Protein backbone atom coordinates (compact mmCIF):
# COMPACT_ATOMS: atom_id res chain seq x y z
CA UNK A 1 28.72 -48.07 -13.47
CA UNK A 2 26.83 -46.18 -16.07
CA UNK A 3 26.40 -42.58 -14.80
CA UNK A 4 23.80 -41.96 -17.98
CA UNK A 5 21.62 -44.61 -15.91
CA UNK A 6 22.16 -42.86 -12.70
CA UNK A 7 21.31 -39.37 -14.01
CA UNK A 8 18.34 -40.67 -15.75
CA UNK A 9 17.01 -42.14 -12.63
CA UNK A 10 17.72 -39.59 -10.27
CA UNK A 11 16.12 -36.77 -12.92
CA UNK A 12 13.08 -38.90 -13.04
CA UNK A 13 12.79 -39.29 -9.40
CA UNK A 14 13.29 -35.46 -8.66
CA UNK A 15 10.49 -34.83 -11.49
CA UNK A 16 8.32 -37.35 -10.21
CA UNK A 17 8.74 -35.85 -6.43
CA UNK A 18 7.80 -32.51 -8.01
CA UNK A 19 4.80 -33.79 -9.57
CA UNK A 20 4.01 -35.66 -6.51
CA UNK A 21 4.14 -32.66 -4.48
CA UNK A 22 2.05 -30.64 -7.00
CA UNK A 23 -0.53 -33.49 -6.88
CA UNK A 24 -0.41 -33.45 -2.97
CA UNK A 25 -1.40 -29.76 -3.09
CA UNK A 26 -4.87 -30.57 -4.13
CA UNK A 27 -5.01 -33.91 -2.01
CA UNK A 28 -4.33 -31.99 1.21
CA UNK A 29 -5.81 -28.35 0.77
CA UNK A 30 -8.92 -29.65 3.06
CA UNK A 31 -6.73 -30.52 5.98
CA UNK A 32 -5.15 -27.01 5.84
CA UNK A 33 -1.79 -28.11 4.50
CA UNK A 34 -1.07 -26.43 1.19
CA UNK A 35 1.97 -27.08 -1.41
CA UNK A 36 2.50 -23.39 -2.49
CA UNK A 37 3.65 -22.05 -5.80
CA UNK A 38 5.72 -19.24 -5.99
CA UNK A 39 7.30 -17.00 -8.35
CA UNK A 40 10.43 -15.26 -7.07
CA UNK A 41 12.29 -13.08 -9.52
CA UNK A 42 15.05 -12.38 -7.03
CA UNK A 43 15.85 -15.97 -6.67
CA UNK A 44 15.61 -16.29 -10.61
CA UNK A 45 18.26 -13.83 -10.83
CA UNK A 46 20.45 -15.83 -8.41
CA UNK A 47 20.20 -19.39 -10.25
CA UNK A 48 20.16 -18.09 -13.81
CA UNK A 49 22.42 -15.20 -13.64
CA UNK A 50 25.40 -15.20 -16.65
CA UNK A 51 27.62 -13.94 -14.08
CA UNK A 52 27.79 -17.06 -11.92
CA UNK A 53 27.90 -20.73 -13.34
CA UNK A 54 29.42 -22.94 -10.68
CA UNK A 55 28.22 -23.50 -7.01
CA UNK A 56 24.44 -23.58 -7.92
CA UNK A 57 23.84 -26.47 -5.60
CA UNK A 58 25.23 -24.51 -2.69
CA UNK A 59 23.19 -21.53 -3.76
CA UNK A 60 20.06 -23.35 -3.54
CA UNK A 61 20.82 -25.00 -0.38
CA UNK A 62 21.93 -21.52 1.34
CA UNK A 63 18.51 -20.09 -0.23
CA UNK A 64 16.71 -22.81 1.77
CA UNK A 65 18.68 -22.40 4.85
CA UNK A 66 17.80 -18.76 4.64
CA UNK A 67 14.09 -19.35 4.37
CA UNK A 68 14.17 -17.99 0.83
CA UNK A 69 12.93 -21.19 -0.30
CA UNK A 70 10.14 -22.63 1.82
CA UNK A 71 9.63 -26.46 2.36
CA UNK A 72 6.91 -28.29 0.00
CA UNK A 73 6.79 -25.58 -2.39
CA UNK A 74 7.37 -25.01 -6.10
CA UNK A 75 9.15 -21.99 -7.24
CA UNK A 76 8.68 -21.17 -11.15
CA UNK A 77 10.75 -18.48 -12.65
CA UNK A 78 12.90 -17.48 -15.56
CA UNK A 79 14.57 -15.11 -17.93
CA UNK A 80 14.48 -13.79 -21.32
CA UNK A 81 17.52 -12.45 -22.96
CA UNK A 82 17.86 -10.08 -26.25
CA UNK A 83 20.88 -8.39 -27.63
CA UNK A 84 21.80 -6.37 -30.47
CA UNK A 85 25.66 -6.83 -31.97
CA UNK A 86 27.62 -5.13 -34.22
CA UNK A 87 30.98 -6.97 -35.15
CA UNK A 88 33.88 -5.82 -37.27
CA UNK A 89 36.64 -8.73 -38.10
CA UNK A 90 40.04 -8.09 -39.64
CA UNK A 91 43.02 -10.08 -40.88
CA UNK A 92 41.02 -13.02 -40.05
CA UNK A 93 42.71 -16.10 -41.74
CA UNK A 94 39.75 -17.86 -43.23
CA UNK A 95 41.24 -21.46 -42.91
CA UNK A 96 40.92 -21.10 -39.14
CA UNK A 97 37.18 -20.71 -39.19
CA UNK A 98 35.13 -18.26 -37.34
CA UNK A 99 32.12 -18.82 -34.81
CA UNK A 100 30.92 -15.30 -36.47
CA UNK A 101 30.71 -16.41 -40.03
CA UNK A 102 33.39 -13.84 -40.80
CA UNK A 103 36.36 -13.99 -42.87
CA UNK A 104 39.19 -11.38 -43.95
CA UNK A 105 37.84 -7.90 -43.67
CA UNK A 106 34.29 -7.82 -43.02
CA UNK A 107 31.52 -6.63 -40.33
CA UNK A 108 28.01 -7.62 -39.79
CA UNK A 109 24.81 -6.41 -37.33
CA UNK A 110 22.56 -8.84 -35.76
CA UNK A 111 19.61 -8.75 -33.27
CA UNK A 112 19.36 -11.92 -31.62
CA UNK A 113 17.08 -13.81 -29.07
CA UNK A 114 19.65 -16.09 -27.36
CA UNK A 115 17.56 -17.21 -24.38
CA UNK A 116 14.29 -18.05 -23.13
CA UNK A 117 14.52 -19.60 -20.06
CA UNK A 118 12.11 -21.21 -17.47
CA UNK A 119 13.40 -22.95 -14.09
CA UNK A 120 11.18 -24.96 -11.70
CA UNK A 121 12.82 -25.45 -8.31
CA UNK A 122 10.66 -28.07 -6.06
CA UNK A 123 11.39 -28.44 -2.18
CA UNK A 124 10.03 -31.76 -0.98
CA UNK A 125 10.39 -31.99 2.83
CA UNK A 126 13.38 -30.26 4.48
CA UNK A 127 16.00 -32.43 3.00
CA UNK A 128 15.16 -32.88 -1.02
CA UNK A 129 15.32 -30.36 -3.66
CA UNK A 130 14.85 -30.73 -7.28
CA UNK A 131 16.18 -28.04 -9.83
CA UNK A 132 15.26 -28.29 -13.87
CA UNK A 133 15.03 -25.58 -16.62
CA UNK A 134 14.04 -25.68 -19.96
CA UNK A 135 15.33 -23.19 -22.78
CA UNK A 136 14.84 -22.18 -26.14
CA UNK A 137 18.17 -20.87 -27.36
CA UNK A 138 16.64 -18.73 -30.30
CA UNK A 139 13.11 -17.78 -30.02
CA UNK A 140 12.82 -17.98 -33.85
CA UNK A 141 13.25 -21.78 -33.35
CA UNK A 142 11.29 -24.37 -31.61
CA UNK A 143 14.18 -26.32 -30.16
CA UNK A 144 13.84 -26.86 -26.86
CA UNK A 145 16.75 -27.94 -24.37
CA UNK A 146 17.07 -29.13 -20.76
CA UNK A 147 20.56 -27.63 -19.83
CA UNK A 148 20.11 -28.66 -16.19
CA UNK A 149 18.19 -31.20 -14.58
CA UNK A 150 19.39 -32.30 -10.87
CA UNK A 151 18.23 -33.18 -7.38
CA UNK A 152 20.11 -32.26 -3.99
CA UNK A 153 19.95 -34.05 -0.83
CA UNK A 154 20.92 -32.00 2.01
CA UNK A 155 19.97 -29.47 4.90
CA UNK A 156 22.68 -27.14 6.09
CA UNK A 157 20.37 -26.15 9.08
CA UNK A 158 21.11 -30.08 10.35
CA UNK A 159 24.18 -31.04 8.77
CA UNK A 160 27.10 -29.66 6.80
CA UNK A 161 26.97 -32.45 4.13
CA UNK A 162 25.09 -32.80 1.03
CA UNK A 163 24.54 -34.93 -2.05
CA UNK A 164 23.71 -34.20 -5.66
CA UNK A 165 23.20 -36.01 -9.03
CA UNK A 166 22.05 -35.09 -12.51
CA UNK A 167 23.08 -32.62 -15.51
CA UNK A 168 24.69 -29.59 -14.64
CA UNK A 169 27.84 -27.35 -14.55
CA UNK A 170 30.49 -29.49 -12.82
CA UNK A 171 31.72 -27.85 -9.46
CA UNK A 172 35.43 -27.47 -10.85
CA UNK A 173 36.77 -23.72 -10.53
CA UNK A 174 35.26 -20.48 -9.99
CA UNK A 175 34.19 -18.95 -13.45
CA UNK A 176 32.48 -16.19 -12.28
CA UNK A 177 32.49 -13.21 -14.75
CA UNK A 178 31.17 -9.54 -14.65
CA UNK A 179 30.51 -9.37 -18.31
CA UNK A 180 27.09 -9.22 -19.57
CA UNK A 181 27.35 -12.01 -21.84
CA UNK A 182 30.73 -13.11 -23.72
CA UNK A 183 32.32 -15.79 -21.52
CA UNK A 184 35.89 -15.33 -20.31
CA UNK A 185 38.37 -17.57 -22.23
CA UNK A 186 38.86 -19.38 -18.77
CA UNK A 187 35.53 -20.19 -18.76
CA UNK A 188 34.92 -21.32 -22.44
CA UNK A 189 38.34 -23.45 -22.51
CA UNK A 190 38.06 -25.03 -19.07
CA UNK A 191 34.57 -25.14 -17.67
CA UNK A 192 32.97 -28.63 -17.39
CA UNK A 193 29.48 -29.57 -17.76
CA UNK A 194 27.39 -32.81 -18.03
CA UNK A 195 26.05 -35.45 -16.18
CA UNK A 196 27.37 -35.75 -12.72
CA UNK A 197 27.05 -37.18 -9.01
CA UNK A 198 28.45 -35.72 -6.10
CA UNK A 199 28.80 -34.78 -2.39
CA UNK A 200 30.04 -31.48 -0.48
CA UNK A 201 30.65 -30.23 2.95
CA UNK A 202 29.73 -26.39 3.65
CA UNK A 203 30.42 -24.81 7.02
CA UNK A 204 32.04 -21.87 8.78
CA UNK A 205 33.17 -20.61 5.39
CA UNK A 206 34.61 -23.64 4.15
CA UNK A 207 33.11 -25.38 1.07
CA UNK A 208 34.48 -28.61 -0.38
CA UNK A 209 32.62 -30.52 -3.35
CA UNK A 210 33.99 -33.95 -4.95
CA UNK A 211 32.32 -34.73 -8.27
CA UNK A 212 32.34 -37.88 -10.42
CA UNK A 213 31.49 -38.20 -14.16
CA UNK A 214 31.24 -40.64 -16.94
CA UNK A 215 34.55 -41.00 -19.42
CA UNK A 216 35.12 -39.82 -22.72
CA UNK A 217 32.73 -36.81 -22.63
CA UNK A 218 29.63 -38.48 -23.89
CA UNK A 219 27.86 -37.14 -20.88
CA UNK A 220 30.42 -34.36 -20.20
CA UNK A 221 31.06 -31.02 -21.91
CA UNK A 222 34.91 -30.38 -22.46
CA UNK A 223 36.39 -33.69 -21.17
CA UNK A 224 38.00 -36.87 -22.54
CA UNK A 225 38.82 -40.15 -20.93
CA UNK A 226 39.92 -43.71 -21.64
CA UNK A 227 36.46 -45.33 -21.55
CA UNK A 228 33.13 -43.91 -22.10
CA UNK A 229 31.22 -46.56 -19.88
CA UNK A 230 33.08 -46.25 -16.73
CA UNK A 231 32.82 -43.62 -13.94
CA UNK A 232 36.49 -42.31 -14.27
CA UNK A 233 36.21 -38.57 -14.48
CA UNK A 234 36.31 -36.45 -11.46
CA UNK A 235 36.82 -33.33 -9.82
CA UNK A 236 37.70 -31.86 -6.79
CA UNK A 237 36.78 -28.19 -5.48
CA UNK A 238 37.53 -26.20 -2.67
CA UNK A 239 37.14 -22.66 -1.17
CA UNK A 240 37.17 -20.27 1.89
CA UNK A 241 34.76 -17.28 2.36
CA UNK A 242 35.85 -14.80 4.82
CA UNK A 243 34.98 -11.29 6.11
CA UNK A 244 37.56 -8.61 7.60
CA UNK A 245 35.73 -5.43 8.70
CA UNK A 246 34.06 -4.23 5.45
CA UNK A 247 36.04 -6.36 3.25
CA UNK A 248 34.69 -9.64 1.98
CA UNK A 249 37.07 -12.21 0.36
CA UNK A 250 37.49 -15.67 -1.01
CA UNK A 251 40.08 -18.05 -2.12
CA UNK A 252 39.67 -21.42 -3.72
CA UNK A 253 41.18 -24.32 -5.69
CA UNK A 254 40.31 -27.22 -7.85
CA UNK A 255 41.54 -30.17 -9.78
CA UNK A 256 39.79 -32.09 -12.68
CA UNK A 257 41.37 -35.18 -14.42
CA UNK A 258 39.91 -34.55 -17.63
CA UNK A 259 39.41 -31.28 -19.91
CA UNK A 260 38.74 -30.56 -23.51
CA UNK A 261 42.78 -30.92 -24.10
CA UNK A 262 44.25 -34.15 -25.21
CA UNK A 263 48.15 -35.24 -24.93
CA UNK A 264 47.95 -37.16 -28.07
CA UNK A 265 47.35 -36.66 -31.72
CA UNK A 266 44.74 -39.57 -31.25
CA UNK A 267 42.72 -37.17 -29.53
CA UNK A 268 42.07 -39.34 -26.47
CA UNK A 269 44.47 -39.10 -23.95
CA UNK A 270 43.31 -37.42 -20.60
CA UNK A 271 44.73 -34.05 -19.85
CA UNK A 272 43.65 -32.71 -16.30
CA UNK A 273 44.09 -29.25 -14.99
CA UNK A 274 44.60 -27.13 -11.59
CA UNK A 275 42.40 -24.11 -10.98
CA UNK A 276 43.36 -21.47 -8.18
CA UNK A 277 41.02 -18.50 -7.69
CA UNK A 278 40.38 -15.63 -5.51
CA UNK A 279 38.53 -12.15 -4.93
CA UNK A 280 37.84 -9.44 -2.66
CA UNK A 281 34.96 -6.99 -2.42
CA UNK A 282 34.55 -3.74 -0.38
CA UNK A 283 31.53 -1.84 -0.31
CA UNK A 284 30.56 -1.37 -4.28
CA UNK A 285 34.33 -2.57 -5.59
CA UNK A 286 34.60 -6.23 -6.48
CA UNK A 287 38.13 -7.77 -7.95
CA UNK A 288 38.38 -11.28 -9.03
CA UNK A 289 41.09 -13.36 -10.33
CA UNK A 290 41.61 -17.24 -11.58
CA UNK A 291 44.54 -18.83 -13.06
CA UNK A 292 44.28 -22.42 -14.63
CA UNK A 293 47.12 -24.91 -16.06
CA UNK A 294 46.77 -28.33 -17.43
CA UNK A 295 48.55 -31.27 -15.83
CA UNK A 296 50.72 -32.11 -18.70
CA UNK A 297 51.60 -31.05 -22.37
CA UNK A 298 48.84 -30.68 -24.79
CA UNK A 299 48.53 -31.83 -28.51
CA UNK A 300 45.16 -30.47 -29.64
CA UNK A 301 41.63 -30.69 -28.39
CA UNK A 302 39.90 -33.90 -27.98
CA UNK A 303 37.17 -34.80 -30.06
CA UNK A 304 34.30 -33.75 -27.57
CA UNK A 305 35.68 -30.23 -26.35
CA UNK A 306 34.60 -27.00 -26.76
CA UNK A 307 36.84 -26.66 -29.68
CA UNK A 308 37.60 -29.72 -32.01
CA UNK A 309 40.85 -29.84 -33.77
CA UNK A 310 40.74 -30.95 -37.26
CA UNK A 311 44.66 -31.00 -38.05
CA UNK A 312 45.24 -27.49 -38.00
CA UNK A 313 41.65 -26.16 -38.37
CA UNK A 314 39.75 -25.31 -35.28
CA UNK A 315 36.23 -26.56 -36.59
CA UNK A 316 34.69 -25.20 -33.22
CA UNK A 317 31.38 -25.76 -31.61
CA UNK A 318 29.24 -27.75 -34.42
CA UNK A 319 30.79 -31.06 -33.74
CA UNK A 320 30.15 -30.82 -29.97
CA UNK A 321 27.60 -33.60 -29.07
CA UNK A 322 25.97 -31.50 -26.41
CA UNK A 323 24.43 -28.51 -27.99
CA UNK A 324 22.66 -27.51 -24.80
CA UNK A 325 25.89 -26.57 -23.08
CA UNK A 326 26.83 -24.24 -26.08
CA UNK A 327 23.54 -22.17 -25.66
CA UNK A 328 23.23 -22.38 -22.04
CA UNK A 329 26.50 -20.84 -20.67
CA UNK A 330 27.14 -18.51 -23.77
CA UNK A 331 29.92 -20.42 -25.83
CA UNK A 332 28.06 -19.69 -29.05
CA UNK A 333 29.23 -16.06 -28.25
CA UNK A 334 32.96 -16.85 -28.83
CA UNK A 335 34.19 -15.56 -32.45
CA UNK A 336 37.72 -17.43 -32.58
CA UNK A 337 39.02 -20.64 -31.51
CA UNK A 338 42.65 -21.67 -31.17
CA UNK A 339 43.83 -25.37 -32.41
CA UNK A 340 46.53 -25.98 -29.91
CA UNK A 341 49.33 -28.56 -30.27
CA UNK A 342 52.33 -27.29 -31.99
CA UNK A 343 54.33 -28.40 -29.24
CA UNK A 344 52.81 -31.44 -27.17
CA UNK A 345 55.23 -30.90 -24.39
CA UNK A 346 53.85 -27.48 -23.33
CA UNK A 347 50.99 -27.01 -20.92
CA UNK A 348 48.09 -24.72 -21.67
CA UNK A 349 47.53 -21.85 -19.24
CA UNK A 350 44.86 -19.71 -18.68
CA UNK A 351 44.13 -16.53 -16.54
CA UNK A 352 41.27 -14.02 -16.21
CA UNK A 353 41.05 -10.74 -13.96
CA UNK A 354 38.29 -8.61 -13.64
CA UNK A 355 36.95 -5.81 -11.69
CA UNK A 356 33.38 -4.24 -11.22
CA UNK A 357 31.84 -1.43 -9.16
CA UNK A 358 28.17 -1.11 -8.28
CA UNK A 359 27.06 2.53 -7.59
CA UNK A 360 23.56 3.74 -7.29
CA UNK A 361 22.08 5.93 -10.11
CA UNK A 362 18.37 7.18 -9.77
CA UNK A 363 17.87 4.85 -6.87
CA UNK A 364 19.27 1.78 -9.05
CA UNK A 365 22.30 -0.26 -9.39
CA UNK A 366 24.76 0.63 -12.29
CA UNK A 367 27.64 -1.99 -12.61
CA UNK A 368 30.60 -0.58 -14.61
CA UNK A 369 33.24 -3.36 -15.27
CA UNK A 370 36.30 -4.11 -17.15
CA UNK A 371 37.49 -7.96 -17.80
CA UNK A 372 40.78 -9.59 -19.24
CA UNK A 373 41.12 -13.15 -20.02
CA UNK A 374 43.71 -15.19 -21.70
CA UNK A 375 44.59 -18.87 -23.02
CA UNK A 376 48.07 -19.54 -24.22
CA UNK A 377 50.26 -22.66 -24.62
CA UNK A 378 52.94 -20.70 -26.27
CA UNK A 379 54.07 -17.70 -28.82
CA UNK A 380 52.24 -19.72 -31.60
CA UNK A 381 48.89 -20.72 -29.66
CA UNK A 382 47.12 -18.03 -27.73
CA UNK A 383 44.09 -15.91 -27.67
CA UNK A 384 43.13 -12.85 -25.30
CA UNK A 385 39.88 -10.85 -24.74
CA UNK A 386 39.57 -7.26 -23.25
CA UNK A 387 35.92 -6.26 -22.67
CA UNK A 388 34.54 -3.09 -20.80
CA UNK A 389 31.15 -2.58 -20.13
CA UNK A 390 28.18 -1.74 -18.06
CA UNK A 391 24.67 -2.93 -17.12
CA UNK A 392 22.01 -1.11 -15.20
CA UNK A 393 19.16 -2.45 -13.07
CA UNK A 394 16.29 -0.48 -15.00
CA UNK A 395 13.51 -2.05 -12.82
CA UNK A 396 13.89 -4.87 -10.20
CA UNK A 397 13.73 -7.41 -12.63
CA UNK A 398 14.93 -5.96 -15.87
CA UNK A 399 18.78 -5.09 -16.70
CA UNK A 400 19.85 -3.25 -19.55
CA UNK A 401 23.68 -2.87 -20.61
CA UNK A 402 26.38 -2.41 -23.25
CA UNK A 403 29.88 -3.86 -24.00
CA UNK A 404 32.81 -3.60 -26.11
CA UNK A 405 34.63 -6.78 -26.74
CA UNK A 406 38.20 -7.39 -28.17
CA UNK A 407 39.83 -10.52 -29.18
CA UNK A 408 42.88 -11.57 -31.08
CA UNK A 409 45.66 -14.08 -31.12
CA UNK A 410 47.44 -16.93 -32.91
CA UNK A 411 46.65 -20.42 -33.72
CA UNK A 412 49.72 -22.70 -35.20
CA UNK A 413 51.61 -19.71 -35.47
CA UNK A 414 48.93 -17.83 -37.88
CA UNK A 415 47.17 -14.91 -36.52
CA UNK A 416 43.46 -15.37 -36.01
CA UNK A 417 42.64 -11.75 -36.56
CA UNK A 418 41.10 -8.94 -34.71
CA UNK A 419 37.37 -9.14 -33.66
CA UNK A 420 35.52 -6.20 -32.28
CA UNK A 421 32.44 -6.57 -30.99
CA UNK A 422 29.78 -3.90 -29.59
CA UNK A 423 26.70 -5.34 -28.00
CA UNK A 424 23.55 -3.83 -26.52
CA UNK A 425 21.58 -6.28 -24.22
CA UNK A 426 18.70 -6.67 -22.19
CA UNK A 427 17.63 -9.42 -19.49
CA UNK A 428 14.18 -9.88 -17.79
CA UNK A 429 13.78 -12.18 -14.95
CA UNK A 430 10.58 -13.39 -13.74
């Protein structure tokens, strides 16, 4: 079974259904039945936020259940992001490469327009929903990408079961982040993305999802399998959300059988991973943690992962076949990558811990935060990142923020350098 054929078919079906709904709008107006077109900036923030990347299917289903999304309607929204960056790099080993283009002791400044994103959600009847977004990763270019295009069959008012198919982030792990733009290292090295079909269950705080993907990473970001033409990648994810008085909490676990890591120097032997995550929120204070570990020893990155290991050199994102994933989920912000593989018997572990506090300032929310994340195989291969920052809801649909990020570590026993990055950013939802 070729998943790319399935994905193409379901994406076409979703698009056709959305078009049909729009056409029907003109056909049935005279009878008083109208297909409505809406713009909902609050919904756009929910599905396009940098802080949340997994669980989008359930977010949409819950929006339908709450009545935020009406049946037989088209919702058009989006966001634009701009940031100014200053980065100083010291003691960088030029042979390891750098996504920022810096070597040795150097600094640079830049103003970037990383995202212009338009999203369309189409609700067809009570059971079918289609979602797609079109994105320009740099407003100075005309390159248009389609990071997400999938459909959902489900109605949580009638049944706790649902299904989905298309191109999206795989439901594995949590990977929520309090940061404004820079991804945590857990997200950067373990988040999976690509063509996927799956099914889920959601009721009484229990959420369970099973996903299936093509092998060898040709349709999936951060994966590798034995055959590109077989549906032999899969992921399982589960979580429980509860409430005790003023305390909201969650706990989750996941497994995926293919990651960006390889167990052999041929870069084609699958390595899976386990994920544990949890968090609490009381009033405005939130604390979240996540831990991941590969299922076996690692001997480098596979040829389709976020970082491609060429000998001892991390050549980075340029060789990844799915550039939509790079730009859609912030991987292009990573300034340094680790080779991994000096000890093929040792697993790779990653963890993140963050906290944020939402406080009203002049009637609008301000969210100061601190985030720490690390990925490590041993004392020779590791990377850690610390970020502090804040964002402020200047107007209902406009957020402005600033952050300081520090990253350092080792690759094959050699220090990758010290990366100090200051960013000022603004995000507009519509």
